[in-house]
Amino acid sequence: MESLVHHNAATAESPARPAMEGLSFQPIFSADGLVLEYAVAGPRHTWRRHIPGRPAHLAREAFAFFRSFHEHIPFTLDCGGDLSSIGWSAAELCASSGLVLDGTELLANPNPAQEERFGVDAAYPARLVTFHAPPVSHLHARSHLFSRYAEFKVGLRIRLTPTVARGGPSAHGALQVTGLHIKAPPDFSEFSSLRSRFIELVQQAEVAKLPLLVSDVNHAHDLHWMRVFPDLRILGSVLSPPMGASSLKALLALGGDNWRTFRVGARYP
């Protein structure tokens, strides 16, 4: 089934930006089809290899792309396996990903030579950039409960937030847990045991006051069943496959000044 988002983006003409073509962008939707943010990832064939500076390179390209629209668009940065071995402190996240927190702005690979070369494109508001982390106990008190749902591969959604250390603002800030993310097993809605476990997990997220992002939603019947939960965030090819920078640029142009108004299933001129 071809998604409406992919069709509209593909049929609009827009010049490509070669520097961005390595990135993929996938909309994250509310249960009623409203775009809430974007998931950004690099080329899939590099995910299993550790490439020094890769997270900063991805972040820098994403910052430049979204800044070009003069809109404050939130996104989740998927660094693949590059951050899998860190201890998940703010300092380690910044050191491993090549990011620095400058006040409320994230800077990507901010050494003097790079900053002079990339300028303002190397910065983006930190409150708009989300990372995914495993459910480690020191990040959230309920991590041990979330870890029990192994079939859904539960993780935490985190952001870097400003904090003051001795002598002034910290260069890496602190980690704030802003939500949960899970991966939907294929056809899980057809199995009563998985449906029950999913409902339990939704309830755990509600108790913890953590919005739940469900990714890998690739089947229409799973999507239809999940729509009874109005507060979910949904990511998957059944709504929109990943797209390149030129396709997303055309899609954002369709939405005009308010990029959030683009809804799956709506009609446009």
Protein backbone atom coordinates (compact mmCIF):
# COMPACT_ATOMS: atom_id res chain seq x y z
CA MET A 1 0.00 0.00 0.00
CA GLU A 2 1.54 3.29 -1.09
CA SER A 3 1.30 5.93 1.61
CA LEU A 4 -0.32 9.29 0.88
CA VAL A 5 2.65 11.19 2.28
CA HIS A 6 5.10 9.47 -0.04
CA HIS A 7 2.83 10.01 -3.06
CA ASN A 8 2.39 13.75 -2.49
CA ALA A 9 6.08 14.31 -1.82
CA ALA A 10 7.11 12.37 -4.90
CA THR A 11 4.83 14.29 -7.24
CA ALA A 12 5.96 17.76 -6.14
CA GLU A 13 9.00 19.25 -7.82
CA SER A 14 11.80 20.53 -5.64
CA PRO A 15 15.54 20.88 -6.15
CA ALA A 16 17.61 18.40 -4.16
CA ARG A 17 20.38 19.37 -1.76
CA PRO A 18 23.18 16.88 -2.42
CA ALA A 19 24.75 17.27 1.04
CA MET A 20 21.53 16.05 2.62
CA GLU A 21 20.83 13.07 0.39
CA GLY A 22 22.47 10.66 2.85
CA LEU A 23 19.81 11.44 5.45
CA SER A 24 16.38 9.86 5.60
CA PHE A 25 13.36 11.52 7.20
CA GLN A 26 10.22 9.79 8.43
CA PRO A 27 7.22 11.59 9.96
CA ILE A 28 6.10 10.68 13.47
CA PHE A 29 2.31 10.96 13.66
CA SER A 30 -0.34 11.32 16.32
CA ALA A 31 -3.06 8.66 16.37
CA ASP A 32 -5.30 10.92 14.27
CA GLY A 33 -2.66 11.52 11.59
CA LEU A 34 -1.12 14.86 12.63
CA VAL A 35 2.63 15.21 12.10
CA LEU A 36 4.33 15.76 15.47
CA GLU A 37 8.02 15.48 14.60
CA TYR A 38 10.43 13.69 12.26
CA ALA A 39 12.75 10.74 12.75
CA VAL A 40 16.13 11.37 11.12
CA ALA A 41 18.63 8.64 10.28
CA GLY A 42 21.71 8.16 8.15
CA PRO A 43 22.27 5.57 5.41
CA ARG A 44 21.21 2.11 6.61
CA HIS A 45 24.36 0.41 5.31
CA THR A 46 26.52 2.33 7.82
CA TRP A 47 24.50 1.46 10.94
CA ARG A 48 26.54 -1.61 11.90
CA ARG A 49 29.87 0.22 11.58
CA HIS A 50 31.24 2.68 14.10
CA ILE A 51 32.28 5.78 12.17
CA PRO A 52 34.10 8.42 14.24
CA GLY A 53 32.15 11.68 14.28
CA ARG A 54 29.16 10.14 12.52
CA PRO A 55 26.50 11.33 15.03
CA ALA A 56 27.82 14.90 14.81
CA HIS A 57 27.84 14.69 11.03
CA LEU A 58 24.21 13.51 10.99
CA ALA A 59 23.21 16.18 13.51
CA ARG A 60 24.94 18.94 11.54
CA GLU A 61 23.15 17.97 8.33
CA ALA A 62 19.80 17.73 10.11
CA PHE A 63 20.32 21.12 11.81
CA ALA A 64 21.13 22.75 8.48
CA PHE A 65 18.17 21.16 6.73
CA PHE A 66 15.53 22.16 9.28
CA ARG A 67 16.99 25.65 9.79
CA SER A 68 16.56 26.31 6.08
CA PHE A 69 12.77 26.34 6.61
CA HIS A 70 12.93 28.95 9.40
CA GLU A 71 10.66 26.66 11.43
CA HIS A 72 11.29 25.12 14.82
CA ILE A 73 10.62 21.51 13.79
CA PRO A 74 11.36 18.83 16.41
CA PHE A 75 13.11 15.64 15.37
CA THR A 76 14.55 12.43 16.76
CA LEU A 77 18.12 11.65 15.73
CA ASP A 78 18.76 7.94 15.18
CA CYS A 79 22.51 7.30 15.36
CA GLY A 80 22.22 3.55 14.84
CA GLY A 81 24.89 1.61 16.72
CA ASP A 82 27.24 4.55 17.23
CA LEU A 83 25.99 5.26 20.76
CA SER A 84 25.18 1.71 21.87
CA SER A 85 28.20 1.25 24.17
CA ILE A 86 28.14 4.50 26.17
CA GLY A 87 27.13 4.74 29.84
CA TRP A 88 24.32 7.20 29.17
CA SER A 89 25.38 10.24 31.09
CA ALA A 90 25.08 13.68 29.51
CA ALA A 91 28.87 13.99 29.38
CA GLU A 92 29.27 10.63 27.61
CA LEU A 93 26.49 11.36 25.15
CA CYS A 94 28.11 14.66 24.18
CA ALA A 95 31.61 13.19 24.00
CA SER A 96 30.51 10.20 21.90
CA SER A 97 28.24 12.16 19.57
CA GLY A 98 30.39 15.26 19.08
CA LEU A 99 27.77 17.61 20.53
CA VAL A 100 28.10 20.53 22.95
CA LEU A 101 25.30 22.32 24.76
CA ASP A 102 25.78 26.09 24.43
CA GLY A 103 23.05 27.63 26.56
CA THR A 104 19.85 26.31 25.00
CA GLU A 105 21.49 25.43 21.66
CA LEU A 106 23.07 22.16 20.59
CA LEU A 107 26.26 22.56 18.56
CA ALA A 108 27.38 19.73 16.30
CA ASN A 109 31.13 19.05 16.24
CA PRO A 110 31.82 22.57 17.55
CA ASN A 111 35.60 22.90 17.22
CA PRO A 112 36.78 26.29 15.90
CA ALA A 113 37.52 25.12 12.36
CA GLN A 114 34.18 23.38 11.92
CA GLU A 115 32.19 26.17 13.54
CA GLU A 116 33.74 28.74 11.25
CA ARG A 117 33.01 26.54 8.25
CA PHE A 118 29.40 25.63 9.09
CA GLY A 119 28.32 28.74 11.03
CA VAL A 120 24.77 28.89 12.33
CA ASP A 121 23.85 25.67 10.52
CA ALA A 122 25.83 23.73 13.14
CA ALA A 123 23.38 24.74 15.91
CA TYR A 124 19.77 23.88 16.76
CA PRO A 125 17.53 24.35 19.83
CA ALA A 126 18.29 21.49 22.22
CA ARG A 127 14.64 21.18 23.29
CA LEU A 128 13.76 20.08 19.74
CA VAL A 129 16.30 17.23 19.43
CA THR A 130 15.51 13.80 20.92
CA PHE A 131 17.77 10.75 21.23
CA HIS A 132 16.90 7.14 22.02
CA ALA A 133 18.52 5.35 24.95
CA PRO A 134 18.12 1.89 26.50
CA PRO A 135 16.06 1.67 29.73
CA VAL A 136 19.03 2.05 32.07
CA SER A 137 18.12 2.37 35.74
CA HIS A 138 19.89 5.65 36.48
CA LEU A 139 17.85 7.52 33.85
CA HIS A 140 14.39 6.61 35.14
CA ALA A 141 13.09 4.96 38.31
CA ARG A 142 10.72 2.69 36.36
CA SER A 143 13.30 1.42 33.89
CA HIS A 144 13.27 -2.05 35.46
CA LEU A 145 9.50 -2.28 34.83
CA PHE A 146 9.84 -1.21 31.21
CA SER A 147 12.62 -3.76 30.63
CA ARG A 148 10.17 -6.59 31.36
CA TYR A 149 8.46 -6.00 28.02
CA ALA A 150 11.32 -7.43 25.99
CA GLU A 151 9.10 -8.34 23.05
CA PHE A 152 8.54 -4.60 22.44
CA LYS A 153 12.22 -3.58 22.80
CA VAL A 154 11.39 -0.69 25.10
CA GLY A 155 13.73 2.29 25.27
CA LEU A 156 13.77 5.81 26.67
CA ARG A 157 13.48 9.06 24.75
CA ILE A 158 15.89 11.67 26.09
CA ARG A 159 16.98 15.26 25.51
CA LEU A 160 19.93 17.34 26.65
CA THR A 161 18.80 20.19 28.90
CA PRO A 162 20.81 23.13 30.30
CA THR A 163 22.21 22.85 33.79
CA VAL A 164 24.62 24.88 35.88
CA ALA A 165 27.86 23.30 37.08
CA ARG A 166 30.53 24.79 39.31
CA GLY A 167 31.79 27.93 37.58
CA GLY A 168 28.90 28.34 35.14
CA PRO A 169 26.71 26.52 32.60
CA SER A 170 27.70 22.94 31.86
CA ALA A 171 28.98 22.17 28.36
CA HIS A 172 26.95 18.97 28.28
CA GLY A 173 23.93 19.76 30.47
CA ALA A 174 21.81 16.95 31.89
CA LEU A 175 19.73 14.16 30.39
CA GLN A 176 15.96 14.50 30.66
CA VAL A 177 13.68 11.54 29.92
CA THR A 178 10.79 12.80 27.79
CA GLY A 179 9.06 9.58 26.74
CA LEU A 180 9.25 5.90 25.84
CA HIS A 181 9.79 4.29 22.48
CA ILE A 182 8.93 0.73 21.50
CA LYS A 183 9.02 -1.40 18.35
CA ALA A 184 5.81 -3.09 17.29
CA PRO A 185 6.23 -6.82 16.55
CA PRO A 186 4.77 -7.62 13.12
CA ASP A 187 1.04 -8.47 13.28
CA PHE A 188 1.06 -8.17 17.08
CA SER A 189 -2.56 -6.99 17.12
CA GLU A 190 -3.66 -10.45 15.94
CA PHE A 191 -2.36 -12.15 19.10
CA SER A 192 -4.30 -11.71 22.33
CA SER A 193 -1.22 -12.18 24.53
CA LEU A 194 0.67 -9.41 22.74
CA ARG A 195 -2.37 -7.13 22.77
CA SER A 196 -2.64 -7.59 26.54
CA ARG A 197 1.04 -6.88 27.03
CA PHE A 198 0.78 -3.79 24.85
CA ILE A 199 -2.15 -2.46 26.91
CA GLU A 200 -0.16 -3.06 30.11
CA LEU A 201 2.77 -1.14 28.66
CA VAL A 202 0.54 1.77 27.62
CA GLN A 203 -0.77 1.88 31.18
CA GLN A 204 2.75 1.85 32.62
CA ALA A 205 3.68 4.76 30.36
CA GLU A 206 0.60 6.69 31.47
CA VAL A 207 1.44 6.16 35.16
CA ALA A 208 4.98 7.42 34.51
CA LYS A 209 3.58 10.36 32.47
CA LEU A 210 5.82 9.42 29.54
CA PRO A 211 4.40 9.77 25.99
CA LEU A 212 4.76 6.52 24.05
CA LEU A 213 6.23 6.33 20.54
CA VAL A 214 5.49 3.10 18.65
CA SER A 215 7.82 2.47 15.70
CA ASP A 216 7.93 -0.26 13.03
CA VAL A 217 4.17 0.10 12.47
CA ASN A 218 4.12 -1.41 8.99
CA HIS A 219 0.73 -3.14 8.80
CA ALA A 220 -2.67 -1.47 8.46
CA HIS A 221 -4.43 -3.81 10.89
CA ASP A 222 -1.90 -3.01 13.64
CA LEU A 223 -2.36 0.71 13.01
CA HIS A 224 -6.15 0.43 13.05
CA TRP A 225 -6.11 -1.42 16.38
CA MET A 226 -3.72 1.08 18.00
CA ARG A 227 -5.86 4.07 17.12
CA VAL A 228 -8.07 3.38 20.14
CA PHE A 229 -5.17 4.83 22.16
CA PRO A 230 -5.39 8.56 21.37
CA ASP A 231 -2.10 9.62 22.99
CA LEU A 232 0.25 7.36 21.05
CA ARG A 233 2.89 8.60 18.65
CA ILE A 234 3.24 6.34 15.62
CA LEU A 235 6.13 5.77 13.21
CA GLY A 236 5.99 3.30 10.36
CA SER A 237 5.84 2.66 6.64
CA VAL A 238 2.06 2.12 6.70
CA LEU A 239 1.75 5.89 7.23
CA SER A 240 4.89 7.07 5.47
CA PRO A 241 8.12 5.37 4.41
CA PRO A 242 11.45 7.14 4.99
CA MET A 243 12.07 9.85 2.41
CA GLY A 244 15.07 11.79 1.18
CA ALA A 245 15.73 15.47 1.76
CA SER A 246 14.33 16.58 -1.59
CA SER A 247 11.05 14.72 -1.01
CA LEU A 248 10.65 16.15 2.49
CA LYS A 249 11.42 19.63 1.22
CA ALA A 250 8.55 19.30 -1.27
CA LEU A 251 6.27 17.89 1.43
CA LEU A 252 6.98 20.75 3.83
CA ALA A 253 6.26 23.23 1.05
CA LEU A 254 2.77 21.71 0.72
CA GLY A 255 2.10 22.47 4.37
CA GLY A 256 2.92 26.17 4.09
CA ASP A 257 3.81 28.02 7.26
CA ASN A 258 2.22 25.46 9.59
CA TRP A 259 3.97 22.17 8.89
CA ARG A 260 1.96 20.35 11.58
CA THR A 261 -1.32 20.71 9.66
CA PHE A 262 -0.39 18.05 7.10
CA ARG A 263 -2.60 15.07 7.98
CA VAL A 264 -2.58 11.58 6.55
CA GLY A 265 -5.75 11.07 4.54
CA ALA A 266 -6.51 14.78 4.05
CA ARG A 267 -7.10 16.23 0.59
CA TYR A 268 -4.91 18.99 -0.82
CA PRO A 269 -5.26 21.06 -4.00
